């Protein structure tokens, strides 16, 4: 599914004011290793992912904790 995040801008040839750019979520496509799991997911299912790079390694632990807590909150909140 092609998508453009709200944080991205289309090419116009003019300079952009730095204040107009902001971080926004964006759409990605993942290929799951387990086909049974992929078939069991409902349409519209979503999740969180993190990309860990060699820079800023101290923040990786914080992000891991945040993702684990978010997973628990999604599990505990009845839908």
PDB file of N, CA and C in Angstrom:
ATOM      1  N   UNK A   1       0.845  -1.159   0.000  1.00  0.00           N
ATOM      2  CA  UNK A   1       0.000   0.000   0.000  1.00  0.00           C
ATOM      3  C   UNK A   1       0.899   1.233   0.000  1.00  0.00           C
ATOM      4  N   UNK A   2       0.954   1.997  -1.058  1.00  0.00           N
ATOM      5  CA  UNK A   2       1.779   3.195  -1.072  1.00  0.00           C
ATOM      6  C   UNK A   2       1.169   4.273  -0.179  1.00  0.00           C
ATOM      7  N   UNK A   3       2.014   4.917   0.604  1.00  0.00           N
ATOM      8  CA  UNK A   3       1.527   5.952   1.506  1.00  0.00           C
ATOM      9  C   UNK A   3       2.618   6.982   1.724  1.00  0.00           C
ATOM     10  N   UNK A   4       2.208   8.206   1.990  1.00  0.00           N
ATOM     11  CA  UNK A   4       3.140   9.278   2.326  1.00  0.00           C
ATOM     12  C   UNK A   4       2.783   9.767   3.713  1.00  0.00           C
ATOM     13  N   UNK A   5       3.767   9.777   4.590  1.00  0.00           N
ATOM     14  CA  UNK A   5       3.532  10.254   5.946  1.00  0.00           C
ATOM     15  C   UNK A   5       3.261  11.748   5.923  1.00  0.00           C
ATOM     16  N   UNK A   6       2.548  12.207   6.906  1.00  0.00           N
ATOM     17  CA  UNK A   6       2.271  13.643   6.989  1.00  0.00           C
ATOM     18  C   UNK A   6       3.546  14.438   7.241  1.00  0.00           C
ATOM     19  N   UNK A   7       4.571  13.789   7.754  1.00  0.00           N
ATOM     20  CA  UNK A   7       5.832  14.469   8.016  1.00  0.00           C
ATOM     21  C   UNK A   7       6.680  14.641   6.776  1.00  0.00           C
ATOM     22  N   UNK A   8       6.342  13.953   5.685  1.00  0.00           N
ATOM     23  CA  UNK A   8       7.110  14.066   4.456  1.00  0.00           C
ATOM     24  C   UNK A   8       6.475  15.118   3.558  1.00  0.00           C
ATOM     25  N   UNK A   9       7.290  15.698   2.698  1.00  0.00           N
ATOM     26  CA  UNK A   9       6.798  16.729   1.800  1.00  0.00           C
ATOM     27  C   UNK A   9       7.035  16.315   0.359  1.00  0.00           C
ATOM     28  N   UNK A  10       6.169  16.731  -0.513  1.00  0.00           N
ATOM     29  CA  UNK A  10       6.361  16.465  -1.929  1.00  0.00           C
ATOM     30  C   UNK A  10       7.339  17.482  -2.503  1.00  0.00           C
ATOM     31  N   UNK A  11       7.965  17.129  -3.602  1.00  0.00           N
ATOM     32  CA  UNK A  11       8.964  17.993  -4.220  1.00  0.00           C
ATOM     33  C   UNK A  11       8.276  19.188  -4.869  1.00  0.00           C
ATOM     34  N   UNK A  12       8.722  20.410  -4.513  1.00  0.00           N
ATOM     35  CA  UNK A  12       8.116  21.604  -5.098  1.00  0.00           C
ATOM     36  C   UNK A  12       9.157  22.575  -5.647  1.00  0.00           C
ATOM     37  N   UNK A  13      10.440  22.380  -5.307  1.00  0.00           N
ATOM     38  CA  UNK A  13      11.476  23.281  -5.790  1.00  0.00           C
ATOM     39  C   UNK A  13      11.683  24.510  -4.926  1.00  0.00           C
ATOM     40  N   UNK A  14      10.926  24.666  -3.864  1.00  0.00           N
ATOM     41  CA  UNK A  14      11.084  25.807  -2.969  1.00  0.00           C
ATOM     42  C   UNK A  14      11.632  25.343  -1.626  1.00  0.00           C
ATOM     43  N   UNK A  15      12.243  26.258  -0.905  1.00  0.00           N
ATOM     44  CA  UNK A  15      12.799  25.937   0.406  1.00  0.00           C
ATOM     45  C   UNK A  15      11.667  25.745   1.415  1.00  0.00           C
ATOM     46  N   UNK A  16      11.912  24.908   2.419  1.00  0.00           N
ATOM     47  CA  UNK A  16      10.903  24.619   3.434  1.00  0.00           C
ATOM     48  C   UNK A  16      11.310  25.281   4.741  1.00  0.00           C
ATOM     49  N   UNK A  17      10.344  25.797   5.438  1.00  0.00           N
ATOM     50  CA  UNK A  17      10.588  26.327   6.772  1.00  0.00           C
ATOM     51  C   UNK A  17      10.752  25.143   7.718  1.00  0.00           C
ATOM     52  N   UNK A  18      11.813  25.132   8.506  1.00  0.00           N
ATOM     53  CA  UNK A  18      12.099  24.000   9.389  1.00  0.00           C
ATOM     54  C   UNK A  18      10.999  23.777  10.420  1.00  0.00           C
ATOM     55  N   UNK A  19      10.262  24.788  10.775  1.00  0.00           N
ATOM     56  CA  UNK A  19       9.211  24.652  11.787  1.00  0.00           C
ATOM     57  C   UNK A  19       8.019  23.850  11.266  1.00  0.00           C
ATOM     58  N   UNK A  20       7.889  23.714   9.952  1.00  0.00           N
ATOM     59  CA  UNK A  20       6.730  23.004   9.406  1.00  0.00           C
ATOM     60  C   UNK A  20       6.922  21.486   9.400  1.00  0.00           C
ATOM     61  N   UNK A  21       8.149  21.005   9.593  1.00  0.00           N
ATOM     62  CA  UNK A  21       8.396  19.567   9.591  1.00  0.00           C
ATOM     63  C   UNK A  21       8.187  19.005  10.990  1.00  0.00           C
ATOM     64  N   UNK A  22       7.586  17.832  11.050  1.00  0.00           N
ATOM     65  CA  UNK A  22       7.400  17.170  12.339  1.00  0.00           C
ATOM     66  C   UNK A  22       7.470  15.660  12.145  1.00  0.00           C
ATOM     67  N   UNK A  23       7.774  14.950  13.207  1.00  0.00           N
ATOM     68  CA  UNK A  23       7.831  13.495  13.137  1.00  0.00           C
ATOM     69  C   UNK A  23       6.421  12.934  13.132  1.00  0.00           C
ATOM     70  N   UNK A  24       6.164  12.008  12.248  1.00  0.00           N
ATOM     71  CA  UNK A  24       4.856  11.379  12.132  1.00  0.00           C
ATOM     72  C   UNK A  24       5.049   9.885  11.933  1.00  0.00           C
ATOM     73  N   UNK A  25       4.088   9.080  12.325  1.00  0.00           N
ATOM     74  CA  UNK A  25       4.165   7.653  12.026  1.00  0.00           C
ATOM     75  C   UNK A  25       4.087   7.412  10.532  1.00  0.00           C
ATOM     76  N   UNK A  26       4.654   6.320  10.079  1.00  0.00           N
ATOM     77  CA  UNK A  26       4.565   6.000   8.661  1.00  0.00           C
ATOM     78  C   UNK A  26       4.256   4.523   8.480  1.00  0.00           C
ATOM     79  N   UNK A  27       3.766   4.191   7.316  1.00  0.00           N
ATOM     80  CA  UNK A  27       3.316   2.839   7.016  1.00  0.00           C
ATOM     81  C   UNK A  27       4.480   2.026   6.474  1.00  0.00           C
ATOM     82  N   UNK A  28       4.610   0.799   6.962  1.00  0.00           N
ATOM     83  CA  UNK A  28       5.598  -0.131   6.417  1.00  0.00           C
ATOM     84  C   UNK A  28       4.907  -1.464   6.150  1.00  0.00           C
ATOM     85  N   UNK A  29       5.546  -2.314   5.412  1.00  0.00           N
ATOM     86  CA  UNK A  29       5.020  -3.653   5.153  1.00  0.00           C
ATOM     87  C   UNK A  29       6.033  -4.662   5.684  1.00  0.00           C
ATOM     88  N   UNK A  30       5.552  -5.577   6.518  1.00  0.00           N
ATOM     89  CA  UNK A  30       6.396  -6.624   7.077  1.00  0.00           C
ATOM     90  C   UNK A  30       5.984  -7.975   6.506  1.00  0.00           C
ATOM     91  N   UNK A  31       6.960  -8.832   6.313  1.00  0.00           N
ATOM     92  CA  UNK A  31       6.676 -10.203   5.900  1.00  0.00           C
ATOM     93  C   UNK A  31       6.930 -11.091   7.113  1.00  0.00           C
ATOM     94  N   UNK A  32       5.881 -11.737   7.607  1.00  0.00           N
ATOM     95  CA  UNK A  32       5.996 -12.584   8.784  1.00  0.00           C
ATOM     96  C   UNK A  32       6.547 -13.954   8.405  1.00  0.00           C
ATOM     97  N   UNK A  33       7.358 -14.522   9.294  1.00  0.00           N
ATOM     98  CA  UNK A  33       7.949 -15.835   9.047  1.00  0.00           C
ATOM     99  C   UNK A  33       6.940 -16.960   9.200  1.00  0.00           C
ATOM    100  N   UNK A  34       5.947 -16.770  10.045  1.00  0.00           N
ATOM    101  CA  UNK A  34       4.976 -17.824  10.344  1.00  0.00           C
ATOM    102  C   UNK A  34       3.678 -17.562   9.584  1.00  0.00           C
ATOM    103  N   UNK A  35       3.370 -18.342   8.531  1.00  0.00           N
ATOM    104  CA  UNK A  35       2.146 -18.088   7.758  1.00  0.00           C
ATOM    105  C   UNK A  35       0.871 -18.296   8.575  1.00  0.00           C
ATOM    106  N   UNK A  36       0.885 -19.201   9.573  1.00  0.00           N
ATOM    107  CA  UNK A  36      -0.296 -19.410  10.406  1.00  0.00           C
ATOM    108  C   UNK A  36      -0.603 -18.162  11.225  1.00  0.00           C
ATOM    109  N   UNK A  37       0.441 -17.529  11.733  1.00  0.00           N
ATOM    110  CA  UNK A  37       0.247 -16.290  12.492  1.00  0.00           C
ATOM    111  C   UNK A  37      -0.287 -15.189  11.578  1.00  0.00           C
ATOM    112  N   UNK A  38       0.243 -15.089  10.386  1.00  0.00           N
ATOM    113  CA  UNK A  38      -0.212 -14.069   9.439  1.00  0.00           C
ATOM    114  C   UNK A  38      -1.690 -14.263   9.095  1.00  0.00           C
ATOM    115  N   UNK A  39      -2.125 -15.508   8.959  1.00  0.00           N
ATOM    116  CA  UNK A  39      -3.528 -15.782   8.637  1.00  0.00           C
ATOM    117  C   UNK A  39      -4.453 -15.492   9.812  1.00  0.00           C
ATOM    118  N   UNK A  40      -3.936 -15.555  11.031  1.00  0.00           N
ATOM    119  CA  UNK A  40      -4.779 -15.345  12.211  1.00  0.00           C
ATOM    120  C   UNK A  40      -4.973 -13.870  12.551  1.00  0.00           C
ATOM    121  N   UNK A  41      -4.203 -12.983  11.943  1.00  0.00           N
ATOM    122  CA  UNK A  41      -4.336 -11.551  12.234  1.00  0.00           C
ATOM    123  C   UNK A  41      -5.585 -10.988  11.568  1.00  0.00           C
ATOM    124  N   UNK A  42      -6.286 -10.140  12.281  1.00  0.00           N
ATOM    125  CA  UNK A  42      -7.472  -9.487  11.733  1.00  0.00           C
ATOM    126  C   UNK A  42      -7.080  -8.347  10.806  1.00  0.00           C
ATOM    127  N   UNK A  43      -7.960  -8.008   9.885  1.00  0.00           N
ATOM    128  CA  UNK A  43      -7.729  -6.861   9.011  1.00  0.00           C
ATOM    129  C   UNK A  43      -7.658  -5.602   9.861  1.00  0.00           C
ATOM    130  N   UNK A  44      -6.693  -4.755   9.593  1.00  0.00           N
ATOM    131  CA  UNK A  44      -6.532  -3.521  10.352  1.00  0.00           C
ATOM    132  C   UNK A  44      -5.675  -3.675  11.588  1.00  0.00           C
ATOM    133  N   UNK A  45      -5.101  -4.855  11.791  1.00  0.00           N
ATOM    134  CA  UNK A  45      -4.224  -5.052  12.946  1.00  0.00           C
ATOM    135  C   UNK A  45      -2.997  -4.157  12.800  1.00  0.00           C
ATOM    136  N   UNK A  46      -2.498  -3.681  13.919  1.00  0.00           N
ATOM    137  CA  UNK A  46      -1.314  -2.829  13.870  1.00  0.00           C
ATOM    138  C   UNK A  46      -0.395  -3.163  15.024  1.00  0.00           C
ATOM    139  N   UNK A  47       0.805  -2.669  14.963  1.00  0.00           N
ATOM    140  CA  UNK A  47       1.780  -2.944  16.009  1.00  0.00           C
ATOM    141  C   UNK A  47       2.822  -1.858  16.061  1.00  0.00           C
ATOM    142  N   UNK A  48       3.801  -2.067  16.912  1.00  0.00           N
ATOM    143  CA  UNK A  48       4.900  -1.124  17.058  1.00  0.00           C
ATOM    144  C   UNK A  48       6.204  -1.815  16.732  1.00  0.00           C
ATOM    145  N   UNK A  49       7.148  -1.051  16.222  1.00  0.00           N
ATOM    146  CA  UNK A  49       8.477  -1.578  15.927  1.00  0.00           C
ATOM    147  C   UNK A  49       9.491  -0.498  16.244  1.00  0.00           C
ATOM    148  N   UNK A  50      10.708  -0.908  16.482  1.00  0.00           N
ATOM    149  CA  UNK A  50      11.789   0.045  16.749  1.00  0.00           C
ATOM    150  C   UNK A  50      12.998  -0.357  15.919  1.00  0.00           C
ATOM    151  N   UNK A  51      13.713   0.629  15.426  1.00  0.00           N
ATOM    152  CA  UNK A  51      14.946   0.397  14.693  1.00  0.00           C
ATOM    153  C   UNK A  51      16.086   0.828  15.604  1.00  0.00           C
ATOM    154  N   UNK A  52      16.962  -0.104  15.927  1.00  0.00           N
ATOM    155  CA  UNK A  52      18.086   0.189  16.807  1.00  0.00           C
ATOM    156  C   UNK A  52      19.341   0.341  15.959  1.00  0.00           C
ATOM    157  N   UNK A  53      20.031   1.462  16.119  1.00  0.00           N
ATOM    158  CA  UNK A  53      21.232   1.754  15.355  1.00  0.00           C
ATOM    159  C   UNK A  53      22.424   1.849  16.313  1.00  0.00           C
ATOM    160  N   UNK A  54      23.633   1.857  15.789  1.00  0.00           N
ATOM    161  CA  UNK A  54      24.812   1.959  16.666  1.00  0.00           C
ATOM    162  C   UNK A  54      24.877   3.282  17.448  1.00  0.00           C
ATOM    163  N   UNK A  55      24.278   4.328  16.925  1.00  0.00           N
ATOM    164  CA  UNK A  55      24.305   5.597  17.651  1.00  0.00           C
ATOM    165  C   UNK A  55      23.199   5.629  18.696  1.00  0.00           C
ATOM    166  N   UNK A  56      23.402   6.338  19.754  1.00  0.00           N
ATOM    167  CA  UNK A  56      22.426   6.517  20.838  1.00  0.00           C
ATOM    168  C   UNK A  56      22.020   5.186  21.481  1.00  0.00           C
ATOM    169  N   UNK A  57      22.982   4.310  21.729  1.00  0.00           N
ATOM    170  CA  UNK A  57      22.682   2.995  22.295  1.00  0.00           C
ATOM    171  C   UNK A  57      22.110   3.079  23.698  1.00  0.00           C
ATOM    172  N   UNK A  58      22.387   4.146  24.415  1.00  0.00           N
ATOM    173  CA  UNK A  58      21.865   4.285  25.775  1.00  0.00           C
ATOM    174  C   UNK A  58      20.346   4.394  25.776  1.00  0.00           C
ATOM    175  N   UNK A  59      19.768   4.905  24.718  1.00  0.00           N
ATOM    176  CA  UNK A  59      18.309   5.060  24.661  1.00  0.00           C
ATOM    177  C   UNK A  59      17.595   3.773  24.260  1.00  0.00           C
ATOM    178  N   UNK A  60      18.333   2.763  23.811  1.00  0.00           N
ATOM    179  CA  UNK A  60      17.710   1.510  23.388  1.00  0.00           C
ATOM    180  C   UNK A  60      16.982   0.837  24.548  1.00  0.00           C
ATOM    181  N   UNK A  61      17.569   0.868  25.728  1.00  0.00           N
ATOM    182  CA  UNK A  61      16.942   0.247  26.891  1.00  0.00           C
ATOM    183  C   UNK A  61      15.634   0.949  27.213  1.00  0.00           C
ATOM    184  N   UNK A  62      15.637   2.265  27.145  1.00  0.00           N
ATOM    185  CA  UNK A  62      14.422   3.037  27.430  1.00  0.00           C
ATOM    186  C   UNK A  62      13.334   2.677  26.428  1.00  0.00           C
ATOM    187  N   UNK A  63      13.686   2.582  25.168  1.00  0.00           N
ATOM    188  CA  UNK A  63      12.696   2.260  24.136  1.00  0.00           C
ATOM    189  C   UNK A  63      12.147   0.849  24.326  1.00  0.00           C
ATOM    190  N   UNK A  64      13.020  -0.090  24.699  1.00  0.00           N
ATOM    191  CA  UNK A  64      12.559  -1.465  24.938  1.00  0.00           C
ATOM    192  C   UNK A  64      11.556  -1.516  26.073  1.00  0.00           C
ATOM    193  N   UNK A  65      11.830  -0.772  27.144  1.00  0.00           N
ATOM    194  CA  UNK A  65      10.908  -0.730  28.281  1.00  0.00           C
ATOM    195  C   UNK A  65       9.587  -0.094  27.862  1.00  0.00           C
ATOM    196  N   UNK A  66       9.647   0.985  27.090  1.00  0.00           N
ATOM    197  CA  UNK A  66       8.428   1.649  26.635  1.00  0.00           C
ATOM    198  C   UNK A  66       7.580   0.718  25.766  1.00  0.00           C
ATOM    199  N   UNK A  67       8.228  -0.035  24.889  1.00  0.00           N
ATOM    200  CA  UNK A  67       7.481  -0.958  24.030  1.00  0.00           C
ATOM    201  C   UNK A  67       6.875  -2.091  24.846  1.00  0.00           C
ATOM    202  N   UNK A  68       7.602  -2.597  25.838  1.00  0.00           N
ATOM    203  CA  UNK A  68       7.057  -3.661  26.681  1.00  0.00           C
ATOM    204  C   UNK A  68       5.858  -3.167  27.475  1.00  0.00           C
ATOM    205  N   UNK A  69       5.936  -1.949  28.017  1.00  0.00           N
ATOM    206  CA  UNK A  69       4.823  -1.399  28.784  1.00  0.00           C
ATOM    207  C   UNK A  69       3.610  -1.156  27.879  1.00  0.00           C
ATOM    208  N   UNK A  70       3.841  -0.698  26.665  1.00  0.00           N
ATOM    209  CA  UNK A  70       2.738  -0.490  25.718  1.00  0.00           C
ATOM    210  C   UNK A  70       2.071  -1.821  25.376  1.00  0.00           C
ATOM    211  N   UNK A  71       2.870  -2.886  25.232  1.00  0.00           N
ATOM    212  CA  UNK A  71       2.305  -4.206  24.956  1.00  0.00           C
ATOM    213  C   UNK A  71       1.423  -4.661  26.112  1.00  0.00           C
ATOM    214  N   UNK A  72       1.867  -4.448  27.344  1.00  0.00           N
ATOM    215  CA  UNK A  72       1.056  -4.816  28.507  1.00  0.00           C
ATOM    216  C   UNK A  72      -0.226  -3.997  28.564  1.00  0.00           C
ATOM    217  N   UNK A  73      -0.137  -2.714  28.255  1.00  0.00           N
ATOM    218  CA  UNK A  73      -1.332  -1.863  28.288  1.00  0.00           C
ATOM    219  C   UNK A  73      -2.338  -2.306  27.223  1.00  0.00           C
ATOM    220  N   UNK A  74      -1.862  -2.685  26.041  1.00  0.00           N
ATOM    221  CA  UNK A  74      -2.769  -3.174  24.994  1.00  0.00           C
ATOM    222  C   UNK A  74      -3.390  -4.500  25.389  1.00  0.00           C
ATOM    223  N   UNK A  75      -2.652  -5.321  26.134  1.00  0.00           N
ATOM    224  CA  UNK A  75      -3.161  -6.613  26.572  1.00  0.00           C
ATOM    225  C   UNK A  75      -4.205  -6.453  27.674  1.00  0.00           C
ATOM    226  N   UNK A  76      -3.984  -5.490  28.561  1.00  0.00           N
ATOM    227  CA  UNK A  76      -4.862  -5.317  29.710  1.00  0.00           C
ATOM    228  C   UNK A  76      -6.124  -4.531  29.404  1.00  0.00           C
ATOM    229  N   UNK A  77      -6.099  -3.674  28.409  1.00  0.00           N
ATOM    230  CA  UNK A  77      -7.256  -2.842  28.085  1.00  0.00           C
ATOM    231  C   UNK A  77      -8.238  -3.671  27.267  1.00  0.00           C
ATOM    232  N   UNK A  78      -9.452  -3.910  27.775  1.00  0.00           N
ATOM    233  CA  UNK A  78     -10.418  -4.708  26.998  1.00  0.00           C
ATOM    234  C   UNK A  78     -10.917  -3.910  25.789  1.00  0.00           C
ATOM    235  N   UNK A  79     -11.105  -4.622  24.709  1.00  0.00           N
ATOM    236  CA  UNK A  79     -11.574  -3.969  23.473  1.00  0.00           C
ATOM    237  C   UNK A  79     -13.053  -4.189  23.302  1.00  0.00           C
TER     238      UNK A  79
END
